[in-house]
Every structure is written in structure tokens, then in C-alpha cells.
Amino acid sequence: MQASRGTRTKTRNVLKKKPRARGLSPITKGLQEFESGEKVNIIIDPSEHKGMPFSRFHGLTGVVVGRRGTAFEVSVKDGNKTKMVVARPEHLVKNNS
């Protein structure tokens, strides 16, 4: 039998919340605004399924390039290539450095 290869395979520990952080996230996370050229960290919120980037980009830092509807386009370096990640604001955190 062949195992399924969905978008969330091998993410049991990556997309797991700590016990006290479980449940829905605050609504203010979804109302965040980012300027073009701003650095952001991609931290996937597993309780929010819409606008979730691929698990490979979890924990990476990128630069906001623009908007696409309610989501943001983030330019991320993946090895030697630069890739465009489309993610909603629930999965983005402002980079402090």
C-alpha cells in the first residue's frame, strides 16, 4: 500500500502547538499589516488552515514583496534559489533584527 503524499506529510512535530498555546489564535494576528520591503519570519500557525505556506518554509525569514488579496507575497531564499511564498498574516511574524 502506498502512503499518501499530502501537503502536511511529515509535519507531526513541526506543526504542533505547545499544550498551553492550543486553540484558536487571537484575531489581531490575522489583522496584521506589513509594508513592502519589511523582513518577516514565516511561523506556520497550525490552527489556521487558510493561507498556510508549505511546511518547508516554516522558520525561514523573508522579505515582503507585495500583497495578493488578503495574503502577502514573501521572497525567501531556498538554497541557491529565491522563491515566492504566498502566506496570510496569521503565519507571519515581524522580524526584530
C-alpha atoms as a PDB file:
ATOM      1  CA  MET A   1       0.000   0.000   0.000  1.00  0.00           C
ATOM      2  CA  GLN A   2       1.294   3.443  -0.914  1.00  0.00           C
ATOM      3  CA  ALA A   3       1.295   6.211   1.707  1.00  0.00           C
ATOM      4  CA  SER A   4      -0.463   9.423   0.768  1.00  0.00           C
ATOM      5  CA  ARG A   5       1.691  12.424  -0.018  1.00  0.00           C
ATOM      6  CA  GLY A   6      -0.415  15.397   1.011  1.00  0.00           C
ATOM      7  CA  THR A   7       0.871  18.873   1.800  1.00  0.00           C
ATOM      8  CA  ARG A   8       1.135  18.139   5.535  1.00  0.00           C
ATOM      9  CA  THR A   9       3.075  14.848   5.437  1.00  0.00           C
ATOM     10  CA  LYS A  10       5.959  14.533   7.938  1.00  0.00           C
ATOM     11  CA  THR A  11       4.835  17.603   9.896  1.00  0.00           C
ATOM     12  CA  ARG A  12       3.565  15.990  13.100  1.00  0.00           C
ATOM     13  CA  ASN A  13       6.181  17.713  15.271  1.00  0.00           C
ATOM     14  CA  VAL A  14       6.776  20.797  13.108  1.00  0.00           C
ATOM     15  CA  LEU A  15       3.112  21.870  13.116  1.00  0.00           C
ATOM     16  CA  LYS A  16       2.371  21.037  16.745  1.00  0.00           C
ATOM     17  CA  LYS A  17       1.454  23.674  19.317  1.00  0.00           C
ATOM     18  CA  LYS A  18       2.552  23.592  22.911  1.00  0.00           C
ATOM     19  CA  PRO A  19      -0.223  22.421  25.293  1.00  0.00           C
ATOM     20  CA  ARG A  20      -0.954  25.896  26.713  1.00  0.00           C
ATOM     21  CA  ALA A  21      -0.951  27.529  23.283  1.00  0.00           C
ATOM     22  CA  ARG A  22      -3.619  25.243  21.826  1.00  0.00           C
ATOM     23  CA  GLY A  23      -6.868  26.519  20.365  1.00  0.00           C
ATOM     24  CA  LEU A  24      -7.552  29.452  18.102  1.00  0.00           C
ATOM     25  CA  SER A  25      -5.073  32.300  17.871  1.00  0.00           C
ATOM     26  CA  PRO A  26      -6.025  35.909  18.662  1.00  0.00           C
ATOM     27  CA  ILE A  27      -7.823  37.758  15.867  1.00  0.00           C
ATOM     28  CA  THR A  28      -5.189  40.504  15.890  1.00  0.00           C
ATOM     29  CA  LYS A  29      -2.716  38.080  14.258  1.00  0.00           C
ATOM     30  CA  GLY A  30      -4.956  37.960  11.191  1.00  0.00           C
ATOM     31  CA  LEU A  31      -5.265  41.753  11.072  1.00  0.00           C
ATOM     32  CA  GLN A  32      -1.503  42.438  10.968  1.00  0.00           C
ATOM     33  CA  GLU A  33      -0.192  44.706   8.229  1.00  0.00           C
ATOM     34  CA  PHE A  34       3.249  44.523   6.652  1.00  0.00           C
ATOM     35  CA  GLU A  35       4.968  47.085   4.458  1.00  0.00           C
ATOM     36  CA  SER A  36       6.728  46.174   1.237  1.00  0.00           C
ATOM     37  CA  GLY A  37      10.428  45.543   1.936  1.00  0.00           C
ATOM     38  CA  GLU A  38       9.829  44.554   5.573  1.00  0.00           C
ATOM     39  CA  LYS A  39      11.540  41.432   6.954  1.00  0.00           C
ATOM     40  CA  VAL A  40       9.228  38.726   8.319  1.00  0.00           C
ATOM     41  CA  ASN A  41       9.619  35.275   9.844  1.00  0.00           C
ATOM     42  CA  ILE A  42       7.375  32.510   8.498  1.00  0.00           C
ATOM     43  CA  ILE A  43       5.948  30.717  11.541  1.00  0.00           C
ATOM     44  CA  ILE A  44       3.054  28.471  10.493  1.00  0.00           C
ATOM     45  CA  ASP A  45       0.019  28.577  12.782  1.00  0.00           C
ATOM     46  CA  PRO A  46      -1.469  25.052  12.574  1.00  0.00           C
ATOM     47  CA  SER A  47      -4.849  26.169  13.948  1.00  0.00           C
ATOM     48  CA  GLU A  48      -5.420  28.362  10.874  1.00  0.00           C
ATOM     49  CA  HIS A  49      -5.542  26.329   7.659  1.00  0.00           C
ATOM     50  CA  LYS A  50      -6.234  29.072   5.125  1.00  0.00           C
ATOM     51  CA  GLY A  51      -3.220  30.742   3.567  1.00  0.00           C
ATOM     52  CA  MET A  52      -0.800  28.254   5.088  1.00  0.00           C
ATOM     53  CA  PRO A  53       2.578  28.146   3.295  1.00  0.00           C
ATOM     54  CA  PHE A  54       4.307  24.851   2.560  1.00  0.00           C
ATOM     55  CA  SER A  55       5.992  23.282   5.603  1.00  0.00           C
ATOM     56  CA  ARG A  56       9.482  23.595   4.051  1.00  0.00           C
ATOM     57  CA  PHE A  57       9.338  27.365   4.657  1.00  0.00           C
ATOM     58  CA  HIS A  58       8.469  27.109   8.389  1.00  0.00           C
ATOM     59  CA  GLY A  59      11.010  29.095  10.419  1.00  0.00           C
ATOM     60  CA  LEU A  60      12.579  30.899   7.460  1.00  0.00           C
ATOM     61  CA  THR A  61      12.991  34.659   7.126  1.00  0.00           C
ATOM     62  CA  GLY A  62      11.998  36.552   4.007  1.00  0.00           C
ATOM     63  CA  VAL A  63      11.164  39.996   2.653  1.00  0.00           C
ATOM     64  CA  VAL A  64       7.606  41.136   1.929  1.00  0.00           C
ATOM     65  CA  VAL A  65       7.343  41.939  -1.774  1.00  0.00           C
ATOM     66  CA  GLY A  66       3.655  42.814  -2.063  1.00  0.00           C
ATOM     67  CA  ARG A  67       0.084  41.720  -1.492  1.00  0.00           C
ATOM     68  CA  ARG A  68      -2.056  39.109  -3.165  1.00  0.00           C
ATOM     69  CA  GLY A  69      -5.612  39.606  -1.983  1.00  0.00           C
ATOM     70  CA  THR A  70      -5.631  39.203   1.792  1.00  0.00           C
ATOM     71  CA  ALA A  71      -2.253  37.413   1.720  1.00  0.00           C
ATOM     72  CA  PHE A  72       1.295  38.684   1.406  1.00  0.00           C
ATOM     73  CA  GLU A  73       3.974  37.687  -1.088  1.00  0.00           C
ATOM     74  CA  VAL A  74       7.229  36.906   0.699  1.00  0.00           C
ATOM     75  CA  SER A  75      10.541  36.409  -1.110  1.00  0.00           C
ATOM     76  CA  VAL A  76      12.515  33.592   0.568  1.00  0.00           C
ATOM     77  CA  LYS A  77      15.962  32.204  -0.193  1.00  0.00           C
ATOM     78  CA  ASP A  78      15.715  28.395  -0.559  1.00  0.00           C
ATOM     79  CA  GLY A  79      19.216  27.063  -1.168  1.00  0.00           C
ATOM     80  CA  ASN A  80      20.523  28.967  -4.201  1.00  0.00           C
ATOM     81  CA  LYS A  81      17.078  29.958  -5.475  1.00  0.00           C
ATOM     82  CA  THR A  82      14.802  32.790  -4.459  1.00  0.00           C
ATOM     83  CA  LYS A  83      11.210  31.628  -4.095  1.00  0.00           C
ATOM     84  CA  MET A  84       7.921  33.476  -3.681  1.00  0.00           C
ATOM     85  CA  VAL A  85       5.787  32.309  -0.744  1.00  0.00           C
ATOM     86  CA  VAL A  86       2.167  33.438  -0.539  1.00  0.00           C
ATOM     87  CA  ALA A  87       1.016  33.423   3.086  1.00  0.00           C
ATOM     88  CA  ARG A  88      -1.714  35.061   5.105  1.00  0.00           C
ATOM     89  CA  PRO A  89      -0.706  37.311   8.024  1.00  0.00           C
ATOM     90  CA  GLU A  90      -1.567  34.639  10.644  1.00  0.00           C
ATOM     91  CA  HIS A  91       1.561  32.765   9.555  1.00  0.00           C
ATOM     92  CA  LEU A  92       3.904  35.771   9.532  1.00  0.00           C
ATOM     93  CA  VAL A  93       5.763  37.442  12.398  1.00  0.00           C
ATOM     94  CA  LYS A  94       7.725  40.698  12.170  1.00  0.00           C
ATOM     95  CA  ASN A  95      11.493  40.156  12.322  1.00  0.00           C
ATOM     96  CA  ASN A  96      13.095  42.174  15.116  1.00  0.00           C
ATOM     97  CA  SER A  97      16.682  42.032  13.858  1.00  0.00           C
END
